[in-house]
Amino acid sequence: MEVGQMQGRLVDYTKSLFMEGFLDGQFLQLQQLQDESNPDFVVEVVSLFFDDSEKLLNDLTMALDQPNVDFKKVDAHVHQLKGSSSSIGAQRVKNGCIAFRNFCEEQNIEACLRCLQQVKQEYYLVKNKLEALFRLEQQIVAAGGSIPMMEMGF
């Protein structure tokens, strides 16, 4: 496939991530911080998000598995996950965390467990989508093309 076609696919794919609510404007702001001096900025920041999220999801699973759940601890983990997902624009993960925190406040273990599953599902979905996006970007660069910049409002 030639570079122009790949760039078109990248633009369409990125638009779909916004239309389906996986990403919000924060992701575009991240992309605007990337330049020639730091060409892997977005991939690096998102990779840190993946590492942090995996750890937080494991911590949450363990915290909710205790006989006496420490809801303050659970809430602290969810708050951290909400912050990091918000900082990269992972909108659906962030929204899941907002609901999750409400159930922590109510100390509703069943609802917290349901939210944990939902947040995990949204996290793995956005992780797969972003990994596919980065693969497409790598193919464009490998073919000698440049990554088209997205604008707010497309």
C-alpha atoms as a PDB file:
ATOM      1  CA  MET A   1       0.000   0.000   0.000  1.00  0.00           C
ATOM      2  CA  GLU A   2       1.374   3.415  -0.857  1.00  0.00           C
ATOM      3  CA  VAL A   3       2.052   6.140   1.703  1.00  0.00           C
ATOM      4  CA  GLY A   4      -0.928   8.338   0.754  1.00  0.00           C
ATOM      5  CA  GLN A   5      -3.335   5.444   1.285  1.00  0.00           C
ATOM      6  CA  MET A   6      -1.758   4.597   4.656  1.00  0.00           C
ATOM      7  CA  GLN A   7      -1.993   8.234   5.730  1.00  0.00           C
ATOM      8  CA  GLY A   8      -5.663   8.248   4.746  1.00  0.00           C
ATOM      9  CA  ARG A   9      -6.264   5.077   6.736  1.00  0.00           C
ATOM     10  CA  LEU A  10      -4.481   6.606   9.738  1.00  0.00           C
ATOM     11  CA  VAL A  11      -6.656   9.745   9.605  1.00  0.00           C
ATOM     12  CA  ASP A  12      -9.863   7.687   9.274  1.00  0.00           C
ATOM     13  CA  TYR A  13      -8.821   5.323  12.061  1.00  0.00           C
ATOM     14  CA  THR A  14      -7.900   8.197  14.392  1.00  0.00           C
ATOM     15  CA  LYS A  15     -11.235   9.913  13.669  1.00  0.00           C
ATOM     16  CA  SER A  16     -13.080   6.698  14.525  1.00  0.00           C
ATOM     17  CA  LEU A  17     -11.317   6.543  17.915  1.00  0.00           C
ATOM     18  CA  PHE A  18     -12.710  10.000  18.701  1.00  0.00           C
ATOM     19  CA  MET A  19     -16.180   9.281  17.283  1.00  0.00           C
ATOM     20  CA  GLU A  20     -16.451   6.072  19.351  1.00  0.00           C
ATOM     21  CA  GLY A  21     -15.362   7.931  22.494  1.00  0.00           C
ATOM     22  CA  PHE A  22     -12.090   6.039  23.034  1.00  0.00           C
ATOM     23  CA  LEU A  23     -10.074   9.262  22.877  1.00  0.00           C
ATOM     24  CA  ASP A  24     -10.761  12.912  23.617  1.00  0.00           C
ATOM     25  CA  GLY A  25      -9.037  16.218  22.826  1.00  0.00           C
ATOM     26  CA  GLN A  26      -6.314  15.559  25.402  1.00  0.00           C
ATOM     27  CA  PHE A  27      -4.805  12.963  23.031  1.00  0.00           C
ATOM     28  CA  LEU A  28      -4.507  15.613  20.287  1.00  0.00           C
ATOM     29  CA  GLN A  29      -2.781  17.938  22.753  1.00  0.00           C
ATOM     30  CA  LEU A  30      -0.294  15.154  23.504  1.00  0.00           C
ATOM     31  CA  GLN A  31       0.365  14.745  19.778  1.00  0.00           C
ATOM     32  CA  GLN A  32       1.027  18.468  19.443  1.00  0.00           C
ATOM     33  CA  LEU A  33       3.820  18.200  22.031  1.00  0.00           C
ATOM     34  CA  GLN A  34       5.654  15.757  19.759  1.00  0.00           C
ATOM     35  CA  ASP A  35       8.228  17.175  17.321  1.00  0.00           C
ATOM     36  CA  GLU A  36      11.454  16.292  15.487  1.00  0.00           C
ATOM     37  CA  SER A  37      13.489  16.549  18.697  1.00  0.00           C
ATOM     38  CA  ASN A  38      11.201  14.032  20.418  1.00  0.00           C
ATOM     39  CA  PRO A  39       9.558  11.905  17.691  1.00  0.00           C
ATOM     40  CA  ASP A  40       8.510   9.101  20.057  1.00  0.00           C
ATOM     41  CA  PHE A  41       6.926  11.353  22.682  1.00  0.00           C
ATOM     42  CA  VAL A  42       3.338  10.058  22.326  1.00  0.00           C
ATOM     43  CA  VAL A  43       4.392   6.398  22.202  1.00  0.00           C
ATOM     44  CA  GLU A  44       6.567   6.889  25.303  1.00  0.00           C
ATOM     45  CA  VAL A  45       3.842   8.661  27.298  1.00  0.00           C
ATOM     46  CA  VAL A  46       1.212   6.111  26.292  1.00  0.00           C
ATOM     47  CA  SER A  47       3.596   3.227  27.119  1.00  0.00           C
ATOM     48  CA  LEU A  48       4.003   4.684  30.622  1.00  0.00           C
ATOM     49  CA  PHE A  49       0.209   4.858  30.848  1.00  0.00           C
ATOM     50  CA  PHE A  50       0.013   1.154  29.869  1.00  0.00           C
ATOM     51  CA  ASP A  51       2.592   0.174  32.529  1.00  0.00           C
ATOM     52  CA  ASP A  52       0.922   2.253  35.256  1.00  0.00           C
ATOM     53  CA  SER A  53      -2.549   1.019  34.339  1.00  0.00           C
ATOM     54  CA  GLU A  54      -1.560  -2.651  34.390  1.00  0.00           C
ATOM     55  CA  LYS A  55      -0.096  -2.176  37.871  1.00  0.00           C
ATOM     56  CA  LEU A  56      -3.122  -0.221  39.113  1.00  0.00           C
ATOM     57  CA  LEU A  57      -5.581  -2.778  37.704  1.00  0.00           C
ATOM     58  CA  ASN A  58      -3.651  -5.560  39.466  1.00  0.00           C
ATOM     59  CA  ASP A  59      -3.592  -3.538  42.707  1.00  0.00           C
ATOM     60  CA  LEU A  60      -7.335  -2.937  42.392  1.00  0.00           C
ATOM     61  CA  THR A  61      -8.028  -6.619  41.778  1.00  0.00           C
ATOM     62  CA  MET A  62      -6.032  -7.549  44.885  1.00  0.00           C
ATOM     63  CA  ALA A  63      -7.556  -4.766  47.030  1.00  0.00           C
ATOM     64  CA  LEU A  64     -11.120  -5.812  46.123  1.00  0.00           C
ATOM     65  CA  ASP A  65     -10.245  -9.461  46.802  1.00  0.00           C
ATOM     66  CA  GLN A  66      -9.514  -8.823  50.503  1.00  0.00           C
ATOM     67  CA  PRO A  67     -11.936 -10.077  53.184  1.00  0.00           C
ATOM     68  CA  ASN A  68     -12.140  -6.497  54.544  1.00  0.00           C
ATOM     69  CA  VAL A  69     -11.942  -4.146  51.582  1.00  0.00           C
ATOM     70  CA  ASP A  70     -10.118  -0.879  52.287  1.00  0.00           C
ATOM     71  CA  PHE A  71     -12.284   1.426  50.160  1.00  0.00           C
ATOM     72  CA  LYS A  72      -9.945   4.399  50.763  1.00  0.00           C
ATOM     73  CA  LYS A  73      -7.114   2.408  49.199  1.00  0.00           C
ATOM     74  CA  VAL A  74      -9.342   1.257  46.316  1.00  0.00           C
ATOM     75  CA  ASP A  75     -10.471   4.838  45.744  1.00  0.00           C
ATOM     76  CA  ALA A  76      -6.850   6.059  45.751  1.00  0.00           C
ATOM     77  CA  HIS A  77      -5.974   3.515  43.023  1.00  0.00           C
ATOM     78  CA  VAL A  78      -9.053   4.433  40.966  1.00  0.00           C
ATOM     79  CA  HIS A  79      -8.264   8.142  41.385  1.00  0.00           C
ATOM     80  CA  GLN A  80      -4.736   7.531  40.085  1.00  0.00           C
ATOM     81  CA  LEU A  81      -6.036   5.513  37.110  1.00  0.00           C
ATOM     82  CA  LYS A  82      -8.576   8.243  36.353  1.00  0.00           C
ATOM     83  CA  GLY A  83      -5.798  10.851  36.356  1.00  0.00           C
ATOM     84  CA  SER A  84      -3.465   8.938  34.082  1.00  0.00           C
ATOM     85  CA  SER A  85      -6.228   7.942  31.637  1.00  0.00           C
ATOM     86  CA  SER A  86      -7.387  11.552  31.581  1.00  0.00           C
ATOM     87  CA  SER A  87      -3.848  12.785  30.864  1.00  0.00           C
ATOM     88  CA  ILE A  88      -3.560  10.733  27.655  1.00  0.00           C
ATOM     89  CA  GLY A  89      -7.185  11.268  26.598  1.00  0.00           C
ATOM     90  CA  ALA A  90      -8.450   7.700  27.246  1.00  0.00           C
ATOM     91  CA  GLN A  91     -11.987   8.984  27.694  1.00  0.00           C
ATOM     92  CA  ARG A  92     -13.906   5.731  28.236  1.00  0.00           C
ATOM     93  CA  VAL A  93     -11.419   4.512  30.871  1.00  0.00           C
ATOM     94  CA  LYS A  94     -11.678   7.882  32.628  1.00  0.00           C
ATOM     95  CA  ASN A  95     -15.490   7.767  32.578  1.00  0.00           C
ATOM     96  CA  GLY A  96     -15.460   4.231  34.000  1.00  0.00           C
ATOM     97  CA  CYS A  97     -13.233   5.460  36.832  1.00  0.00           C
ATOM     98  CA  ILE A  98     -15.667   8.273  37.665  1.00  0.00           C
ATOM     99  CA  ALA A  99     -18.500   5.745  38.176  1.00  0.00           C
ATOM    100  CA  PHE A 100     -16.102   3.448  40.068  1.00  0.00           C
ATOM    101  CA  ARG A 101     -15.203   6.213  42.549  1.00  0.00           C
ATOM    102  CA  ASN A 102     -18.887   6.814  43.322  1.00  0.00           C
ATOM    103  CA  PHE A 103     -19.277   3.148  44.297  1.00  0.00           C
ATOM    104  CA  CYS A 104     -16.117   3.350  46.442  1.00  0.00           C
ATOM    105  CA  GLU A 105     -17.722   6.214  48.294  1.00  0.00           C
ATOM    106  CA  GLU A 106     -20.839   4.076  48.888  1.00  0.00           C
ATOM    107  CA  GLN A 107     -18.584   1.129  49.824  1.00  0.00           C
ATOM    108  CA  ASN A 108     -20.586  -1.029  47.411  1.00  0.00           C
ATOM    109  CA  ILE A 109     -18.360  -4.072  46.817  1.00  0.00           C
ATOM    110  CA  GLU A 110     -20.549  -5.686  44.102  1.00  0.00           C
ATOM    111  CA  ALA A 111     -20.741  -2.459  42.105  1.00  0.00           C
ATOM    112  CA  CYS A 112     -16.983  -1.907  42.566  1.00  0.00           C
ATOM    113  CA  LEU A 113     -16.274  -5.394  41.193  1.00  0.00           C
ATOM    114  CA  ARG A 114     -18.548  -4.715  38.197  1.00  0.00           C
ATOM    115  CA  CYS A 115     -16.810  -1.374  37.607  1.00  0.00           C
ATOM    116  CA  LEU A 116     -13.407  -3.028  37.820  1.00  0.00           C
ATOM    117  CA  GLN A 117     -14.395  -5.462  35.044  1.00  0.00           C
ATOM    118  CA  GLN A 118     -15.780  -2.619  32.938  1.00  0.00           C
ATOM    119  CA  VAL A 119     -12.684  -0.443  33.439  1.00  0.00           C
ATOM    120  CA  LYS A 120     -10.419  -3.405  32.588  1.00  0.00           C
ATOM    121  CA  GLN A 121     -12.426  -4.038  29.420  1.00  0.00           C
ATOM    122  CA  GLU A 122     -12.244  -0.366  28.375  1.00  0.00           C
ATOM    123  CA  TYR A 123      -8.529  -0.267  29.180  1.00  0.00           C
ATOM    124  CA  TYR A 124      -7.729  -3.334  27.049  1.00  0.00           C
ATOM    125  CA  LEU A 125      -9.890  -1.986  24.218  1.00  0.00           C
ATOM    126  CA  VAL A 126      -8.116   1.387  24.148  1.00  0.00           C
ATOM    127  CA  LYS A 127      -4.736  -0.332  24.541  1.00  0.00           C
ATOM    128  CA  ASN A 128      -5.397  -2.483  21.451  1.00  0.00           C
ATOM    129  CA  LYS A 129      -6.685   0.525  19.493  1.00  0.00           C
ATOM    130  CA  LEU A 130      -3.650   2.667  20.369  1.00  0.00           C
ATOM    131  CA  GLU A 131      -1.217  -0.154  19.588  1.00  0.00           C
ATOM    132  CA  ALA A 132      -2.872  -0.511  16.161  1.00  0.00           C
ATOM    133  CA  LEU A 133      -2.612   3.273  15.666  1.00  0.00           C
ATOM    134  CA  PHE A 134       1.105   3.238  16.526  1.00  0.00           C
ATOM    135  CA  ARG A 135       1.734   0.271  14.175  1.00  0.00           C
ATOM    136  CA  LEU A 136       0.099   2.179  11.329  1.00  0.00           C
ATOM    137  CA  GLU A 137       2.223   5.255  12.136  1.00  0.00           C
ATOM    138  CA  GLN A 138       5.381   3.095  12.119  1.00  0.00           C
ATOM    139  CA  GLN A 139       4.439   1.659   8.703  1.00  0.00           C
ATOM    140  CA  ILE A 140       3.966   5.172   7.296  1.00  0.00           C
ATOM    141  CA  VAL A 141       7.343   6.337   8.637  1.00  0.00           C
ATOM    142  CA  ALA A 142       9.048   3.136   7.417  1.00  0.00           C
ATOM    143  CA  ALA A 143       7.614   3.816   3.958  1.00  0.00           C
ATOM    144  CA  GLY A 144       9.156   7.302   4.023  1.00  0.00           C
ATOM    145  CA  GLY A 145       5.958   9.212   4.797  1.00  0.00           C
ATOM    146  CA  SER A 146       5.088  11.662   7.539  1.00  0.00           C
ATOM    147  CA  ILE A 147       2.323  11.391  10.118  1.00  0.00           C
ATOM    148  CA  PRO A 148      -0.581  13.706   9.251  1.00  0.00           C
ATOM    149  CA  MET A 149      -1.530  16.011  12.145  1.00  0.00           C
ATOM    150  CA  MET A 150      -5.105  15.822  13.359  1.00  0.00           C
ATOM    151  CA  GLU A 151      -6.967  18.998  14.247  1.00  0.00           C
ATOM    152  CA  MET A 152      -9.697  19.490  16.815  1.00  0.00           C
ATOM    153  CA  GLY A 153     -13.073  19.191  15.135  1.00  0.00           C
ATOM    154  CA  PHE A 154     -11.453  17.329  12.207  1.00  0.00           C
END
